[in-house]
Amino acid sequence: MSMCDSFLRNVEDNLQEPLEVEKATREAEFIFAREVRDLQRKNCEDVLTSQVRNYIYLHIMDKLQVTDIAKEFDVTPNYLSDRFSQAGGDFAEAIYYQ
């Protein structure tokens, strides 16, 4: 069931007063906006790990350190490592095997 279907079912089954419908509409808009934001963040994070992998590939002959790569992408080393972990990879492994 989609968010829209769920909202419509709630309105049809439970809400009688216009103010209740208006309140439910505002809540649905908030939920939708939060879902869109979360998806955008996830996509941005995937882009970051992809960009870092490309950077590693382009600088394969350089002595790479996590701190230097993090500075290049304006993030902290811990954040960068966490992003790789959440994307299903290991940051040190990405450097080593490139």
PDB file of N, CA and C in Angstrom:
ATOM      1  N   MET A   1       0.837  -1.170   0.000  1.00  0.00           N
ATOM      2  CA  MET A   1       0.000   0.000   0.000  1.00  0.00           C
ATOM      3  C   MET A   1       0.890   1.243   0.000  1.00  0.00           C
ATOM      4  N   SER A   2       0.605   2.172  -0.872  1.00  0.00           N
ATOM      5  CA  SER A   2       1.405   3.388  -0.957  1.00  0.00           C
ATOM      6  C   SER A   2       1.011   4.376   0.137  1.00  0.00           C
ATOM      7  N   MET A   3       1.837   5.400   0.318  1.00  0.00           N
ATOM      8  CA  MET A   3       1.508   6.435   1.296  1.00  0.00           C
ATOM      9  C   MET A   3       0.191   7.106   0.944  1.00  0.00           C
ATOM     10  N   CYS A   4      -0.034   7.317  -0.332  1.00  0.00           N
ATOM     11  CA  CYS A   4      -1.267   7.962  -0.784  1.00  0.00           C
ATOM     12  C   CYS A   4      -2.483   7.095  -0.449  1.00  0.00           C
ATOM     13  N   ASP A   5      -2.388   5.794  -0.730  1.00  0.00           N
ATOM     14  CA  ASP A   5      -3.483   4.877  -0.415  1.00  0.00           C
ATOM     15  C   ASP A   5      -3.773   4.862   1.082  1.00  0.00           C
ATOM     16  N   SER A   6      -2.719   4.840   1.854  1.00  0.00           N
ATOM     17  CA  SER A   6      -2.868   4.825   3.305  1.00  0.00           C
ATOM     18  C   SER A   6      -3.563   6.094   3.791  1.00  0.00           C
ATOM     19  N   PHE A   7      -3.161   7.241   3.250  1.00  0.00           N
ATOM     20  CA  PHE A   7      -3.777   8.513   3.625  1.00  0.00           C
ATOM     21  C   PHE A   7      -5.260   8.515   3.265  1.00  0.00           C
ATOM     22  N   LEU A   8      -5.585   8.106   2.036  1.00  0.00           N
ATOM     23  CA  LEU A   8      -6.980   8.104   1.597  1.00  0.00           C
ATOM     24  C   LEU A   8      -7.834   7.163   2.438  1.00  0.00           C
ATOM     25  N   ARG A   9      -7.295   6.013   2.753  1.00  0.00           N
ATOM     26  CA  ARG A   9      -8.049   5.065   3.592  1.00  0.00           C
ATOM     27  C   ARG A   9      -8.317   5.660   4.961  1.00  0.00           C
ATOM     28  N   ASN A  10      -7.335   6.327   5.526  1.00  0.00           N
ATOM     29  CA  ASN A  10      -7.505   6.968   6.825  1.00  0.00           C
ATOM     30  C   ASN A  10      -8.595   8.032   6.760  1.00  0.00           C
ATOM     31  N   VAL A  11      -8.581   8.842   5.720  1.00  0.00           N
ATOM     32  CA  VAL A  11      -9.594   9.890   5.575  1.00  0.00           C
ATOM     33  C   VAL A  11     -10.983   9.266   5.431  1.00  0.00           C
ATOM     34  N   GLU A  12     -11.093   8.273   4.572  1.00  0.00           N
ATOM     35  CA  GLU A  12     -12.391   7.639   4.328  1.00  0.00           C
ATOM     36  C   GLU A  12     -12.935   6.912   5.552  1.00  0.00           C
ATOM     37  N   ASP A  13     -12.075   6.224   6.275  1.00  0.00           N
ATOM     38  CA  ASP A  13     -12.530   5.377   7.375  1.00  0.00           C
ATOM     39  C   ASP A  13     -12.638   6.091   8.718  1.00  0.00           C
ATOM     40  N   ASN A  14     -11.806   7.085   8.952  1.00  0.00           N
ATOM     41  CA  ASN A  14     -11.699   7.620  10.308  1.00  0.00           C
ATOM     42  C   ASN A  14     -12.008   9.100  10.472  1.00  0.00           C
ATOM     43  N   LEU A  15     -11.955   9.856   9.420  1.00  0.00           N
ATOM     44  CA  LEU A  15     -12.055  11.309   9.583  1.00  0.00           C
ATOM     45  C   LEU A  15     -13.371  11.842   9.025  1.00  0.00           C
ATOM     46  N   GLN A  16     -14.054  12.594   9.845  1.00  0.00           N
ATOM     47  CA  GLN A  16     -15.343  13.138   9.451  1.00  0.00           C
ATOM     48  C   GLN A  16     -15.326  14.666   9.341  1.00  0.00           C
ATOM     49  N   GLU A  17     -14.599  15.303  10.201  1.00  0.00           N
ATOM     50  CA  GLU A  17     -14.588  16.765  10.278  1.00  0.00           C
ATOM     51  C   GLU A  17     -13.511  17.355   9.366  1.00  0.00           C
ATOM     52  N   PRO A  18     -13.809  18.492   8.734  1.00  0.00           N
ATOM     53  CA  PRO A  18     -12.818  19.140   7.858  1.00  0.00           C
ATOM     54  C   PRO A  18     -11.493  19.447   8.554  1.00  0.00           C
ATOM     55  N   LEU A  19     -11.547  19.821   9.835  1.00  0.00           N
ATOM     56  CA  LEU A  19     -10.310  20.120  10.557  1.00  0.00           C
ATOM     57  C   LEU A  19      -9.467  18.852  10.745  1.00  0.00           C
ATOM     58  N   GLU A  20     -10.111  17.714  10.952  1.00  0.00           N
ATOM     59  CA  GLU A  20      -9.382  16.455  11.072  1.00  0.00           C
ATOM     60  C   GLU A  20      -8.693  16.104   9.757  1.00  0.00           C
ATOM     61  N   VAL A  21      -9.396  16.329   8.650  1.00  0.00           N
ATOM     62  CA  VAL A  21      -8.830  16.049   7.327  1.00  0.00           C
ATOM     63  C   VAL A  21      -7.644  16.976   7.058  1.00  0.00           C
ATOM     64  N   GLU A  22      -7.805  18.242   7.414  1.00  0.00           N
ATOM     65  CA  GLU A  22      -6.721  19.214   7.219  1.00  0.00           C
ATOM     66  C   GLU A  22      -5.495  18.824   8.042  1.00  0.00           C
ATOM     67  N   LYS A  23      -5.723  18.421   9.292  1.00  0.00           N
ATOM     68  CA  LYS A  23      -4.612  18.006  10.153  1.00  0.00           C
ATOM     69  C   LYS A  23      -3.928  16.764   9.567  1.00  0.00           C
ATOM     70  N   ALA A  24      -4.704  15.799   9.116  1.00  0.00           N
ATOM     71  CA  ALA A  24      -4.138  14.588   8.527  1.00  0.00           C
ATOM     72  C   ALA A  24      -3.354  14.919   7.255  1.00  0.00           C
ATOM     73  N   THR A  25      -3.835  15.880   6.487  1.00  0.00           N
ATOM     74  CA  THR A  25      -3.143  16.299   5.264  1.00  0.00           C
ATOM     75  C   THR A  25      -1.786  16.895   5.605  1.00  0.00           C
ATOM     76  N   ARG A  26      -1.737  17.757   6.603  1.00  0.00           N
ATOM     77  CA  ARG A  26      -0.462  18.353   7.024  1.00  0.00           C
ATOM     78  C   ARG A  26       0.504  17.287   7.520  1.00  0.00           C
ATOM     79  N   GLU A  27      -0.002  16.332   8.278  1.00  0.00           N
ATOM     80  CA  GLU A  27       0.862  15.250   8.761  1.00  0.00           C
ATOM     81  C   GLU A  27       1.392  14.411   7.603  1.00  0.00           C
ATOM     82  N   ALA A  28       0.539  14.136   6.623  1.00  0.00           N
ATOM     83  CA  ALA A  28       0.970  13.358   5.451  1.00  0.00           C
ATOM     84  C   ALA A  28       2.037  14.120   4.666  1.00  0.00           C
ATOM     85  N   GLU A  29       1.871  15.436   4.527  1.00  0.00           N
ATOM     86  CA  GLU A  29       2.872  16.241   3.831  1.00  0.00           C
ATOM     87  C   GLU A  29       4.207  16.190   4.564  1.00  0.00           C
ATOM     88  N   PHE A  30       4.152  16.250   5.893  1.00  0.00           N
ATOM     89  CA  PHE A  30       5.371  16.190   6.690  1.00  0.00           C
ATOM     90  C   PHE A  30       6.064  14.842   6.503  1.00  0.00           C
ATOM     91  N   ILE A  31       5.306  13.767   6.573  1.00  0.00           N
ATOM     92  CA  ILE A  31       5.866  12.422   6.403  1.00  0.00           C
ATOM     93  C   ILE A  31       6.482  12.283   5.013  1.00  0.00           C
ATOM     94  N   PHE A  32       5.771  12.759   3.988  1.00  0.00           N
ATOM     95  CA  PHE A  32       6.274  12.690   2.623  1.00  0.00           C
ATOM     96  C   PHE A  32       7.580  13.467   2.484  1.00  0.00           C
ATOM     97  N   ALA A  33       7.620  14.675   3.039  1.00  0.00           N
ATOM     98  CA  ALA A  33       8.833  15.499   2.960  1.00  0.00           C
ATOM     99  C   ALA A  33      10.001  14.812   3.660  1.00  0.00           C
ATOM    100  N   ARG A  34       9.742  14.185   4.793  1.00  0.00           N
ATOM    101  CA  ARG A  34      10.795  13.475   5.517  1.00  0.00           C
ATOM    102  C   ARG A  34      11.308  12.287   4.702  1.00  0.00           C
ATOM    103  N   GLU A  35      10.403  11.553   4.055  1.00  0.00           N
ATOM    104  CA  GLU A  35      10.808  10.415   3.225  1.00  0.00           C
ATOM    105  C   GLU A  35      11.665  10.876   2.041  1.00  0.00           C
ATOM    106  N   VAL A  36      11.270  11.976   1.411  1.00  0.00           N
ATOM    107  CA  VAL A  36      12.036  12.516   0.287  1.00  0.00           C
ATOM    108  C   VAL A  36      13.425  12.933   0.763  1.00  0.00           C
ATOM    109  N   ARG A  37      13.484  13.605   1.903  1.00  0.00           N
ATOM    110  CA  ARG A  37      14.781  14.026   2.455  1.00  0.00           C
ATOM    111  C   ARG A  37      15.675  12.827   2.720  1.00  0.00           C
ATOM    112  N   ASP A  38      15.122  11.788   3.323  1.00  0.00           N
ATOM    113  CA  ASP A  38      15.912  10.593   3.622  1.00  0.00           C
ATOM    114  C   ASP A  38      16.422   9.926   2.351  1.00  0.00           C
ATOM    115  N   LEU A  39      15.596   9.875   1.317  1.00  0.00           N
ATOM    116  CA  LEU A  39      16.037   9.304   0.044  1.00  0.00           C
ATOM    117  C   LEU A  39      17.136  10.142  -0.593  1.00  0.00           C
ATOM    118  N   GLN A  40      17.004  11.458  -0.509  1.00  0.00           N
ATOM    119  CA  GLN A  40      18.034  12.336  -1.073  1.00  0.00           C
ATOM    120  C   GLN A  40      19.350  12.147  -0.338  1.00  0.00           C
ATOM    121  N   ARG A  41      19.294  12.034   0.974  1.00  0.00           N
ATOM    122  CA  ARG A  41      20.519  11.815   1.750  1.00  0.00           C
ATOM    123  C   ARG A  41      21.168  10.496   1.368  1.00  0.00           C
ATOM    124  N   LYS A  42      20.360   9.473   1.244  1.00  0.00           N
ATOM    125  CA  LYS A  42      20.889   8.165   0.871  1.00  0.00           C
ATOM    126  C   LYS A  42      21.558   8.228  -0.495  1.00  0.00           C
ATOM    127  N   ASN A  43      20.920   8.882  -1.456  1.00  0.00           N
ATOM    128  CA  ASN A  43      21.506   9.007  -2.791  1.00  0.00           C
ATOM    129  C   ASN A  43      22.785   9.822  -2.754  1.00  0.00           C
ATOM    130  N   CYS A  44      22.804  10.864  -1.953  1.00  0.00           N
ATOM    131  CA  CYS A  44      24.022  11.672  -1.832  1.00  0.00           C
ATOM    132  C   CYS A  44      25.151  10.844  -1.236  1.00  0.00           C
ATOM    133  N   GLU A  45      24.823  10.029  -0.252  1.00  0.00           N
ATOM    134  CA  GLU A  45      25.848   9.213   0.369  1.00  0.00           C
ATOM    135  C   GLU A  45      26.405   8.205  -0.623  1.00  0.00           C
ATOM    136  N   ASP A  46      25.546   7.630  -1.450  1.00  0.00           N
ATOM    137  CA  ASP A  46      26.013   6.693  -2.461  1.00  0.00           C
ATOM    138  C   ASP A  46      26.928   7.409  -3.455  1.00  0.00           C
ATOM    139  N   VAL A  47      26.600   8.642  -3.783  1.00  0.00           N
ATOM    140  CA  VAL A  47      27.436   9.429  -4.692  1.00  0.00           C
ATOM    141  C   VAL A  47      28.794   9.677  -4.047  1.00  0.00           C
ATOM    142  N   LEU A  48      28.807   9.966  -2.766  1.00  0.00           N
ATOM    143  CA  LEU A  48      30.068  10.222  -2.072  1.00  0.00           C
ATOM    144  C   LEU A  48      30.984   9.005  -2.143  1.00  0.00           C
ATOM    145  N   THR A  49      30.486   7.835  -1.815  1.00  0.00           N
ATOM    146  CA  THR A  49      31.345   6.653  -1.856  1.00  0.00           C
ATOM    147  C   THR A  49      31.827   6.371  -3.272  1.00  0.00           C
ATOM    148  N   SER A  50      30.983   6.617  -4.244  1.00  0.00           N
ATOM    149  CA  SER A  50      31.384   6.431  -5.637  1.00  0.00           C
ATOM    150  C   SER A  50      32.486   7.417  -6.021  1.00  0.00           C
ATOM    151  N   GLN A  51      32.335   8.667  -5.621  1.00  0.00           N
ATOM    152  CA  GLN A  51      33.343   9.677  -5.921  1.00  0.00           C
ATOM    153  C   GLN A  51      34.667   9.350  -5.243  1.00  0.00           C
ATOM    154  N   VAL A  52      34.598   8.855  -4.026  1.00  0.00           N
ATOM    155  CA  VAL A  52      35.823   8.507  -3.305  1.00  0.00           C
ATOM    156  C   VAL A  52      36.518   7.333  -3.986  1.00  0.00           C
ATOM    157  N   ARG A  53      35.760   6.341  -4.399  1.00  0.00           N
ATOM    158  CA  ARG A  53      36.360   5.207  -5.112  1.00  0.00           C
ATOM    159  C   ARG A  53      37.053   5.684  -6.397  1.00  0.00           C
ATOM    160  N   ASN A  54      36.400   6.586  -7.123  1.00  0.00           N
ATOM    161  CA  ASN A  54      37.021   7.139  -8.336  1.00  0.00           C
ATOM    162  C   ASN A  54      38.289   7.908  -8.000  1.00  0.00           C
ATOM    163  N   TYR A  55      38.240   8.676  -6.925  1.00  0.00           N
ATOM    164  CA  TYR A  55      39.414   9.430  -6.490  1.00  0.00           C
ATOM    165  C   TYR A  55      40.572   8.481  -6.169  1.00  0.00           C
ATOM    166  N   ILE A  56      40.259   7.412  -5.455  1.00  0.00           N
ATOM    167  CA  ILE A  56      41.290   6.419  -5.117  1.00  0.00           C
ATOM    168  C   ILE A  56      41.879   5.822  -6.389  1.00  0.00           C
ATOM    169  N   TYR A  57      41.026   5.501  -7.319  1.00  0.00           N
ATOM    170  CA  TYR A  57      41.491   4.922  -8.582  1.00  0.00           C
ATOM    171  C   TYR A  57      42.412   5.887  -9.329  1.00  0.00           C
ATOM    172  N   LEU A  58      42.029   7.168  -9.367  1.00  0.00           N
ATOM    173  CA  LEU A  58      42.825   8.168 -10.075  1.00  0.00           C
ATOM    174  C   LEU A  58      44.159   8.457  -9.390  1.00  0.00           C
ATOM    175  N   HIS A  59      44.233   8.196  -8.097  1.00  0.00           N
ATOM    176  CA  HIS A  59      45.451   8.474  -7.332  1.00  0.00           C
ATOM    177  C   HIS A  59      46.100   7.190  -6.818  1.00  0.00           C
ATOM    178  N   ILE A  60      45.962   6.152  -7.593  1.00  0.00           N
ATOM    179  CA  ILE A  60      46.432   4.838  -7.175  1.00  0.00           C
ATOM    180  C   ILE A  60      47.928   4.806  -6.882  1.00  0.00           C
ATOM    181  N   MET A  61      48.687   5.613  -7.562  1.00  0.00           N
ATOM    182  CA  MET A  61      50.139   5.607  -7.368  1.00  0.00           C
ATOM    183  C   MET A  61      50.573   6.509  -6.214  1.00  0.00           C
ATOM    184  N   ASP A  62      49.651   7.290  -5.688  1.00  0.00           N
ATOM    185  CA  ASP A  62      49.964   8.175  -4.566  1.00  0.00           C
ATOM    186  C   ASP A  62      49.849   7.406  -3.250  1.00  0.00           C
ATOM    187  N   LYS A  63      50.534   7.912  -2.256  1.00  0.00           N
ATOM    188  CA  LYS A  63      50.381   7.349  -0.919  1.00  0.00           C
ATOM    189  C   LYS A  63      49.101   7.952  -0.333  1.00  0.00           C
ATOM    190  N   LEU A  64      48.062   7.125  -0.258  1.00  0.00           N
ATOM    191  CA  LEU A  64      46.759   7.608   0.198  1.00  0.00           C
ATOM    192  C   LEU A  64      46.557   7.335   1.675  1.00  0.00           C
ATOM    193  N   GLN A  65      46.032   8.341   2.347  1.00  0.00           N
ATOM    194  CA  GLN A  65      45.651   8.192   3.744  1.00  0.00           C
ATOM    195  C   GLN A  65      44.204   8.661   3.891  1.00  0.00           C
ATOM    196  N   VAL A  66      43.509   8.032   4.802  1.00  0.00           N
ATOM    197  CA  VAL A  66      42.099   8.357   5.004  1.00  0.00           C
ATOM    198  C   VAL A  66      41.922   9.844   5.314  1.00  0.00           C
ATOM    199  N   THR A  67      42.798  10.393   6.116  1.00  0.00           N
ATOM    200  CA  THR A  67      42.657  11.808   6.487  1.00  0.00           C
ATOM    201  C   THR A  67      42.765  12.725   5.271  1.00  0.00           C
ATOM    202  N   ASP A  68      43.669  12.413   4.361  1.00  0.00           N
ATOM    203  CA  ASP A  68      43.824  13.234   3.161  1.00  0.00           C
ATOM    204  C   ASP A  68      42.615  13.131   2.243  1.00  0.00           C
ATOM    205  N   ILE A  69      42.100  11.928   2.098  1.00  0.00           N
ATOM    206  CA  ILE A  69      40.919  11.736   1.248  1.00  0.00           C
ATOM    207  C   ILE A  69      39.723  12.444   1.864  1.00  0.00           C
ATOM    208  N   ALA A  70      39.571  12.334   3.166  1.00  0.00           N
ATOM    209  CA  ALA A  70      38.466  13.008   3.855  1.00  0.00           C
ATOM    210  C   ALA A  70      38.543  14.514   3.654  1.00  0.00           C
ATOM    211  N   LYS A  71      39.744  15.084   3.759  1.00  0.00           N
ATOM    212  CA  LYS A  71      39.912  16.524   3.530  1.00  0.00           C
ATOM    213  C   LYS A  71      39.518  16.905   2.107  1.00  0.00           C
ATOM    214  N   GLU A  72      39.883  16.062   1.154  1.00  0.00           N
ATOM    215  CA  GLU A  72      39.557  16.319  -0.251  1.00  0.00           C
ATOM    216  C   GLU A  72      38.045  16.432  -0.465  1.00  0.00           C
ATOM    217  N   PHE A  73      37.282  15.664   0.307  1.00  0.00           N
ATOM    218  CA  PHE A  73      35.827  15.650   0.150  1.00  0.00           C
ATOM    219  C   PHE A  73      35.112  16.417   1.261  1.00  0.00           C
ATOM    220  N   ASP A  74      35.876  17.126   2.065  1.00  0.00           N
ATOM    221  CA  ASP A  74      35.334  17.980   3.116  1.00  0.00           C
ATOM    222  C   ASP A  74      34.440  17.218   4.094  1.00  0.00           C
ATOM    223  N   VAL A  75      34.908  16.050   4.517  1.00  0.00           N
ATOM    224  CA  VAL A  75      34.223  15.250   5.531  1.00  0.00           C
ATOM    225  C   VAL A  75      35.268  14.770   6.531  1.00  0.00           C
ATOM    226  N   THR A  76      34.827  14.224   7.639  1.00  0.00           N
ATOM    227  CA  THR A  76      35.768  13.693   8.616  1.00  0.00           C
ATOM    228  C   THR A  76      36.155  12.265   8.227  1.00  0.00           C
ATOM    229  N   PRO A  77      37.326  11.812   8.657  1.00  0.00           N
ATOM    230  CA  PRO A  77      37.726  10.432   8.373  1.00  0.00           C
ATOM    231  C   PRO A  77      36.724   9.399   8.919  1.00  0.00           C
ATOM    232  N   ASN A  78      36.196   9.648  10.111  1.00  0.00           N
ATOM    233  CA  ASN A  78      35.216   8.721  10.688  1.00  0.00           C
ATOM    234  C   ASN A  78      33.941   8.667   9.849  1.00  0.00           C
ATOM    235  N   TYR A  79      33.477   9.824   9.395  1.00  0.00           N
ATOM    236  CA  TYR A  79      32.280   9.866   8.562  1.00  0.00           C
ATOM    237  C   TYR A  79      32.511   9.084   7.273  1.00  0.00           C
ATOM    238  N   LEU A  80      33.660   9.264   6.670  1.00  0.00           N
ATOM    239  CA  LEU A  80      33.987   8.574   5.427  1.00  0.00           C
ATOM    240  C   LEU A  80      34.011   7.056   5.636  1.00  0.00           C
ATOM    241  N   SER A  81      34.617   6.623   6.709  1.00  0.00           N
ATOM    242  CA  SER A  81      34.656   5.191   7.022  1.00  0.00           C
ATOM    243  C   SER A  81      33.247   4.650   7.271  1.00  0.00           C
ATOM    244  N   ASP A  82      32.444   5.419   7.986  1.00  0.00           N
ATOM    245  CA  ASP A  82      31.062   5.005   8.243  1.00  0.00           C
ATOM    246  C   ASP A  82      30.267   4.881   6.946  1.00  0.00           C
ATOM    247  N   ARG A  83      30.478   5.824   6.030  1.00  0.00           N
ATOM    248  CA  ARG A  83      29.756   5.783   4.747  1.00  0.00           C
ATOM    249  C   ARG A  83      30.095   4.500   3.989  1.00  0.00           C
ATOM    250  N   PHE A  84      31.366   4.136   3.996  1.00  0.00           N
ATOM    251  CA  PHE A  84      31.763   2.910   3.312  1.00  0.00           C
ATOM    252  C   PHE A  84      31.169   1.687   4.001  1.00  0.00           C
ATOM    253  N   SER A  85      31.134   1.689   5.304  1.00  0.00           N
ATOM    254  CA  SER A  85      30.545   0.566   6.031  1.00  0.00           C
ATOM    255  C   SER A  85      29.068   0.427   5.707  1.00  0.00           C
ATOM    256  N   GLN A  86      28.344   1.535   5.683  1.00  0.00           N
ATOM    257  CA  GLN A  86      26.909   1.490   5.386  1.00  0.00           C
ATOM    258  C   GLN A  86      26.647   1.110   3.942  1.00  0.00           C
ATOM    259  N   ALA A  87      27.585   1.403   3.067  1.00  0.00           N
ATOM    260  CA  ALA A  87      27.418   1.047   1.651  1.00  0.00           C
ATOM    261  C   ALA A  87      27.831  -0.403   1.411  1.00  0.00           C
ATOM    262  N   GLY A  88      28.239  -1.088   2.474  1.00  0.00           N
ATOM    263  CA  GLY A  88      28.592  -2.492   2.344  1.00  0.00           C
ATOM    264  C   GLY A  88      30.038  -2.740   1.999  1.00  0.00           C
ATOM    265  N   GLY A  89      30.878  -1.767   2.231  1.00  0.00           N
ATOM    266  CA  GLY A  89      32.289  -1.933   1.912  1.00  0.00           C
ATOM    267  C   GLY A  89      33.178  -1.547   3.070  1.00  0.00           C
ATOM    268  N   ASP A  90      34.434  -1.748   2.885  1.00  0.00           N
ATOM    269  CA  ASP A  90      35.426  -1.395   3.886  1.00  0.00           C
ATOM    270  C   ASP A  90      36.347  -0.359   3.270  1.00  0.00           C
ATOM    271  N   PHE A  91      36.526   0.754   3.930  1.00  0.00           N
ATOM    272  CA  PHE A  91      37.306   1.853   3.363  1.00  0.00           C
ATOM    273  C   PHE A  91      38.760   1.465   3.168  1.00  0.00           C
ATOM    274  N   ALA A  92      39.352   0.845   4.160  1.00  0.00           N
ATOM    275  CA  ALA A  92      40.757   0.439   4.038  1.00  0.00           C
ATOM    276  C   ALA A  92      40.916  -0.566   2.897  1.00  0.00           C
ATOM    277  N   GLU A  93      39.944  -1.440   2.757  1.00  0.00           N
ATOM    278  CA  GLU A  93      39.978  -2.409   1.671  1.00  0.00           C
ATOM    279  C   GLU A  93      39.874  -1.714   0.310  1.00  0.00           C
ATOM    280  N   ALA A  94      39.059  -0.689   0.232  1.00  0.00           N
ATOM    281  CA  ALA A  94      38.922   0.048  -1.030  1.00  0.00           C
ATOM    282  C   ALA A  94      40.245   0.685  -1.432  1.00  0.00           C
ATOM    283  N   ILE A  95      40.968   1.212  -0.468  1.00  0.00           N
ATOM    284  CA  ILE A  95      42.279   1.819  -0.751  1.00  0.00           C
ATOM    285  C   ILE A  95      43.276   0.731  -1.145  1.00  0.00           C
ATOM    286  N   TYR A  96      43.289  -0.342  -0.385  1.00  0.00           N
ATOM    287  CA  TYR A  96      44.278  -1.395  -0.598  1.00  0.00           C
ATOM    288  C   TYR A  96      44.115  -2.066  -1.956  1.00  0.00           C
ATOM    289  N   TYR A  97      42.892  -2.382  -2.337  1.00  0.00           N
ATOM    290  CA  TYR A  97      42.658  -3.142  -3.565  1.00  0.00           C
ATOM    291  C   TYR A  97      42.551  -2.298  -4.828  1.00  0.00           C
ATOM    292  N   GLN A  98      42.611  -0.993  -4.694  1.00  0.00           N
ATOM    293  CA  GLN A  98      42.531  -0.158  -5.907  1.00  0.00           C
ATOM    294  C   GLN A  98      43.846  -0.112  -6.573  1.00  0.00           C
TER     295      GLN A  98
END
